[in-house]
Protein backbone atom coordinates (compact mmCIF):
# COMPACT_ATOMS: atom_id res chain seq x y z
CA UNK A 1 107.69 -97.01 69.06
CA UNK A 2 104.41 -96.15 68.13
CA UNK A 3 105.14 -92.83 67.19
CA UNK A 4 107.60 -93.96 64.38
CA UNK A 5 105.25 -96.45 63.13
CA UNK A 6 102.56 -93.89 62.52
CA UNK A 7 105.20 -91.32 61.37
CA UNK A 8 106.49 -93.81 58.64
CA UNK A 9 103.03 -94.90 57.67
CA UNK A 10 102.24 -90.94 57.11
CA UNK A 11 105.24 -90.64 54.86
CA UNK A 12 104.42 -93.83 53.03
CA UNK A 13 100.82 -92.65 52.40
CA UNK A 14 101.91 -88.94 51.62
CA UNK A 15 104.03 -90.42 48.78
CA UNK A 16 101.42 -93.19 47.63
CA UNK A 17 98.93 -90.01 47.46
CA UNK A 18 101.05 -88.08 45.49
CA UNK A 19 101.59 -90.96 42.81
CA UNK A 20 98.05 -91.81 42.62
CA UNK A 21 96.92 -88.41 42.33
CA UNK A 22 98.86 -88.10 39.03
CA UNK A 23 97.39 -91.24 37.59
CA UNK A 24 93.93 -89.96 38.79
CA UNK A 25 94.60 -86.64 37.54
CA UNK A 26 95.75 -87.64 34.09
CA UNK A 27 92.60 -90.27 33.60
CA UNK A 28 90.21 -87.22 34.63
CA UNK A 29 91.71 -85.31 32.05
CA UNK A 30 90.94 -87.79 29.82
CA UNK A 31 87.25 -88.00 30.80
CA UNK A 32 86.94 -84.40 30.31
CA UNK A 33 88.73 -84.46 26.80
CA UNK A 34 87.02 -87.45 25.28
CA UNK A 35 84.02 -88.51 27.24
CA UNK A 36 85.97 -91.61 28.39
CA UNK A 37 84.33 -93.17 31.78
CA UNK A 38 87.19 -93.52 34.24
CA UNK A 39 86.38 -96.20 36.79
CA UNK A 40 88.80 -96.14 39.79
CA UNK A 41 90.47 -99.38 40.51
CA UNK A 42 90.41 -101.16 43.66
CA UNK A 43 93.60 -100.68 44.52
CA UNK A 44 92.93 -97.05 43.88
CA UNK A 45 89.71 -96.47 45.97
CA UNK A 46 91.60 -98.67 48.71
CA UNK A 47 94.52 -96.14 49.07
CA UNK A 48 92.28 -93.11 48.99
CA UNK A 49 89.99 -94.41 51.70
CA UNK A 50 93.14 -95.28 54.14
CA UNK A 51 94.53 -92.13 53.46
CA UNK A 52 91.05 -90.55 54.73
CA UNK A 53 91.25 -93.00 57.91
CA UNK A 54 94.46 -91.79 58.74
CA UNK A 55 93.81 -88.17 58.50
CA UNK A 56 90.53 -88.09 59.88
CA UNK A 57 89.21 -91.81 60.89
CA UNK A 58 85.61 -90.26 62.24
CA UNK A 59 84.86 -88.74 58.98
CA UNK A 60 85.93 -91.44 56.77
CA UNK A 61 83.50 -94.04 58.52
CA UNK A 62 80.84 -91.39 58.06
CA UNK A 63 81.41 -90.94 54.35
CA UNK A 64 81.85 -94.82 53.96
CA UNK A 65 78.79 -95.12 55.69
CA UNK A 66 76.91 -92.94 53.62
CA UNK A 67 77.81 -94.99 50.43
CA UNK A 68 80.26 -91.72 49.54
CA UNK A 69 77.40 -89.79 48.68
CA UNK A 70 78.11 -85.90 48.35
CA UNK A 71 77.39 -84.39 51.64
CA UNK A 72 77.62 -81.21 50.38
CA UNK A 73 76.03 -78.92 47.52
CA UNK A 74 78.43 -79.86 44.54
CA UNK A 75 77.35 -77.08 42.09
CA UNK A 76 78.06 -74.26 44.79
CA UNK A 77 81.35 -76.08 45.55
CA UNK A 78 82.57 -76.05 42.14
CA UNK A 79 80.87 -72.25 41.74
CA UNK A 80 83.10 -71.29 44.87
CA UNK A 81 86.21 -73.19 43.68
CA UNK A 82 85.86 -71.11 40.30
CA UNK A 83 85.98 -68.00 42.02
CA UNK A 84 88.95 -68.76 43.87
CA UNK A 85 90.55 -69.77 41.31
CA UNK A 86 89.56 -66.94 39.09
CA UNK A 87 90.93 -64.58 42.00
CA UNK A 88 94.40 -65.86 42.64
CA UNK A 89 95.39 -68.40 39.84
CA UNK A 90 96.11 -71.86 39.74
CA UNK A 91 99.00 -72.29 41.43
CA UNK A 92 98.65 -69.35 44.32
CA UNK A 93 95.44 -71.36 45.45
CA UNK A 94 95.89 -73.64 48.05
CA UNK A 95 93.96 -76.55 49.02
CA UNK A 96 93.22 -75.08 52.56
CA UNK A 97 91.75 -71.79 50.62
CA UNK A 98 89.86 -74.20 48.61
CA UNK A 99 88.68 -76.37 51.21
CA UNK A 100 87.47 -73.12 53.16
CA UNK A 101 85.63 -71.62 50.51
CA UNK A 102 84.09 -74.92 49.27
CA UNK A 103 83.07 -75.28 52.83
CA UNK A 104 84.07 -79.05 52.77
CA UNK A 105 86.36 -81.30 54.71
CA UNK A 106 89.81 -82.86 53.36
CA UNK A 107 88.30 -86.30 53.14
CA UNK A 108 85.23 -85.17 51.27
CA UNK A 109 87.41 -83.27 49.05
CA UNK A 110 89.33 -86.10 47.85
CA UNK A 111 86.82 -88.71 47.89
CA UNK A 112 84.65 -86.41 45.58
CA UNK A 113 87.60 -84.74 43.51
CA UNK A 114 90.68 -86.91 44.26
CA UNK A 115 92.98 -83.82 43.72
CA UNK A 116 93.41 -80.13 43.08
CA UNK A 117 94.28 -80.66 39.13
CA UNK A 118 90.93 -82.90 38.77
CA UNK A 119 89.09 -79.68 40.62
CA UNK A 120 90.46 -77.36 38.60
CA UNK A 121 89.43 -79.61 35.12
CA UNK A 122 85.82 -79.93 36.28
CA UNK A 123 85.68 -76.38 37.44
CA UNK A 124 87.18 -75.37 33.56
CA UNK A 125 84.26 -77.56 32.41
CA UNK A 126 81.58 -75.92 34.20
CA UNK A 127 83.19 -72.42 33.10
CA UNK A 128 83.58 -73.43 29.64
CA UNK A 129 79.48 -74.41 29.46
CA UNK A 130 78.58 -71.14 31.06
CA UNK A 131 80.14 -67.82 31.16
CA UNK A 132 82.77 -69.32 28.55
CA UNK A 133 80.21 -70.21 26.17
CA UNK A 134 78.46 -66.93 26.45
CA UNK A 135 81.04 -65.07 25.60
CA UNK A 136 82.37 -66.91 22.69
CA UNK A 137 78.92 -67.36 21.20
CA UNK A 138 78.84 -63.27 20.90
CA UNK A 139 81.94 -63.80 18.70
CA UNK A 140 80.71 -67.05 16.42
CA UNK A 141 76.93 -65.74 16.15
CA UNK A 142 76.52 -65.05 12.39
CA UNK A 143 73.12 -62.79 13.09
CA UNK A 144 75.80 -60.22 15.02
CA UNK A 145 77.79 -57.82 13.12
CA UNK A 146 81.35 -58.00 13.83
CA UNK A 147 81.97 -54.73 15.49
CA UNK A 148 78.53 -55.54 17.50
CA UNK A 149 80.01 -58.86 18.53
CA UNK A 150 83.65 -57.54 19.93
CA UNK A 151 81.80 -54.64 21.57
CA UNK A 152 79.69 -57.07 23.51
CA UNK A 153 82.49 -59.28 23.87
CA UNK A 154 84.78 -56.81 25.74
CA UNK A 155 81.44 -55.00 27.87
CA UNK A 156 80.98 -58.63 29.12
CA UNK A 157 84.72 -59.12 29.88
CA UNK A 158 84.48 -56.20 32.58
CA UNK A 159 80.87 -56.71 33.67
CA UNK A 160 80.33 -58.05 37.13
CA UNK A 161 76.59 -57.45 37.47
CA UNK A 162 73.77 -60.59 36.62
CA UNK A 163 76.77 -62.71 36.76
CA UNK A 164 76.63 -64.16 39.90
CA UNK A 165 79.47 -61.75 41.58
CA UNK A 166 82.15 -63.55 39.46
CA UNK A 167 85.60 -61.35 39.18
CA UNK A 168 86.07 -59.20 36.30
CA UNK A 169 88.36 -60.06 33.48
CA UNK A 170 88.81 -63.46 31.77
CA UNK A 171 89.27 -66.57 33.88
CA UNK A 172 91.64 -68.49 31.27
CA UNK A 173 93.58 -65.07 30.78
CA UNK A 174 94.07 -64.95 34.97
CA UNK A 175 94.96 -68.34 35.05
CA UNK A 176 97.69 -68.56 32.16
CA UNK A 177 98.79 -65.00 33.62
CA UNK A 178 99.67 -67.09 36.89
CA UNK A 179 100.75 -70.60 35.61
CA UNK A 180 104.25 -71.51 36.71
CA UNK A 181 104.26 -74.39 33.99
CA UNK A 182 102.74 -73.72 30.62
CA UNK A 183 103.57 -77.05 29.50
CA UNK A 184 101.80 -78.66 32.42
CA UNK A 185 98.50 -80.75 31.89
CA UNK A 186 96.86 -77.60 33.15
CA UNK A 187 98.64 -75.39 31.15
CA UNK A 188 97.88 -77.22 27.79
CA UNK A 189 94.13 -77.06 28.89
CA UNK A 190 94.00 -73.09 29.35
CA UNK A 191 96.23 -72.55 26.12
CA UNK A 192 93.68 -74.53 24.14
CA UNK A 193 90.60 -72.67 25.44
CA UNK A 194 92.48 -69.43 24.65
CA UNK A 195 93.39 -70.64 21.20
CA UNK A 196 89.16 -71.10 20.72
CA UNK A 197 88.78 -67.42 21.79
CA UNK A 198 91.36 -66.34 19.10
CA UNK A 199 89.28 -68.33 16.62
CA UNK A 200 86.06 -66.67 17.93
CA UNK A 201 87.71 -63.08 17.24
CA UNK A 202 88.94 -64.10 13.72
CA UNK A 203 85.47 -65.36 12.96
CA UNK A 204 83.87 -61.58 13.97
CA UNK A 205 86.52 -59.86 12.02
CA UNK A 206 85.99 -61.72 8.88
CA UNK A 207 82.13 -61.12 9.10
CA UNK A 208 83.17 -57.43 9.99
CA UNK A 209 84.70 -57.44 6.84
CA UNK A 210 82.54 -59.08 4.46
CA UNK A 211 80.06 -56.82 5.72
CA UNK A 212 82.41 -53.74 5.00
CA UNK A 213 81.97 -52.69 8.43
CA UNK A 214 85.98 -53.00 9.01
CA UNK A 215 88.84 -52.50 6.88
CA UNK A 216 90.50 -54.63 4.36
CA UNK A 217 93.71 -53.90 4.70
CA UNK A 218 94.60 -56.25 7.72
CA UNK A 219 94.78 -60.24 8.45
CA UNK A 220 92.16 -61.21 10.90
CA UNK A 221 94.34 -64.01 12.08
CA UNK A 222 96.98 -61.38 12.96
CA UNK A 223 94.34 -58.96 14.62
CA UNK A 224 92.89 -61.55 16.20
CA UNK A 225 95.66 -62.14 18.17
CA UNK A 226 96.30 -58.68 19.05
CA UNK A 227 92.60 -58.73 20.54
CA UNK A 228 93.63 -61.66 22.99
CA UNK A 229 96.63 -59.59 24.10
CA UNK A 230 94.45 -56.81 24.74
CA UNK A 231 91.67 -59.00 26.46
CA UNK A 232 94.86 -60.69 28.33
CA UNK A 233 95.50 -56.74 29.37
CA UNK A 234 92.24 -56.12 30.71
CA UNK A 235 91.73 -59.10 32.54
CA UNK A 236 95.12 -58.30 34.48
CA UNK A 237 94.27 -54.72 34.90
CA UNK A 238 90.75 -55.49 36.62
CA UNK A 239 92.79 -56.25 39.69
CA UNK A 240 93.63 -52.30 39.77
CA UNK A 241 91.11 -49.88 40.94
CA UNK A 242 90.28 -48.61 37.48
CA UNK A 243 86.98 -47.93 36.28
CA UNK A 244 84.81 -49.94 33.32
CA UNK A 245 85.88 -46.79 30.86
CA UNK A 246 89.28 -46.94 31.38
CA UNK A 247 89.70 -50.59 31.33
CA UNK A 248 87.68 -50.72 27.82
CA UNK A 249 89.49 -47.74 26.47
CA UNK A 250 92.26 -49.71 24.74
CA UNK A 251 89.84 -52.31 23.24
CA UNK A 252 87.24 -49.39 22.10
CA UNK A 253 90.08 -47.86 19.93
CA UNK A 254 91.47 -50.77 18.66
CA UNK A 255 88.09 -51.32 17.37
CA UNK A 256 87.48 -48.03 15.98
CA UNK A 257 90.56 -48.33 14.14
CA UNK A 258 89.34 -51.18 12.24
CA UNK A 259 85.86 -49.88 11.68
CA UNK A 260 85.56 -47.93 8.30
CA UNK A 261 84.01 -44.60 8.87
CA UNK A 262 80.78 -43.53 7.12
C-alpha cells in the first residue's frame, strides 16, 4: 500500500513539476527580455520544495536550512553549462550531463535555475555579454574598416586560445543546427541573436562600401545573409578535424571577392 501511495505521489509530483516548469520558464524569459522582476509565488515555491524533499529529503533540508543560498560557484556552473550546450546543442544536452559538468545536485539545480530552459536563458545572457558581444563589436565598430572587421570576426570564430577553452565556432549557430523545434521559446531567442549578427555583417559591409574597400555592385543585406550562412557552415565544420586555414578558406575567399583590388 505504501509503495502504491509513493508511486502515486511521484507521478503527481512529476506532472506538477512539468506544469510549473513551463510557467517558470515563460516568466524567466520575460525577465531576461524586459528586465521584469519575477517573484516566485508561495504555491510554486512550496511545490518545488516538496518535489526536492521527495527526491532527496536530506539535501532539501540542508538547502532550506541554508536559506536557499548557493552552495556552489554560480559563475563556474554557468560556464560549464555553456560549454555543454555549445558542444551538444540544447536538445541533446541532458539534465544528467548538466548536473555532472556543473557539479551540483538535482535539488540545488532546481532551487537555483528551476528548469533546463531557464538555465539556458541565463547561459545565453552570459554568452551575449561576453563572447557574443566581443564578436559583434568587431562588426559594428566604426573605427574598423569593413574588410578588417570581417576578417577579425571569422578569425575569432575558430580561435581557441585566450577564450577559456570554449569550443570553436558560434554558440548560436551550433544551437540552431541542433534545435528540434525552431518555433520554441529557445528557438526564437537563438534566431533573434542570429538576426543581430546579420545586422552586424550588414554594418561592416556598408562601411566597406563607403570607404570604397568593397565593390558597390552587391546589396549589403543580401551579402550579410551569405556571410551568416558561411559562419553557420564553419561552426558546423569545427566538429571535424579540419585546420583553421581549411575552416576559414571559404570565408576568406568570399571577403576577397568583395574587395576592390588596388
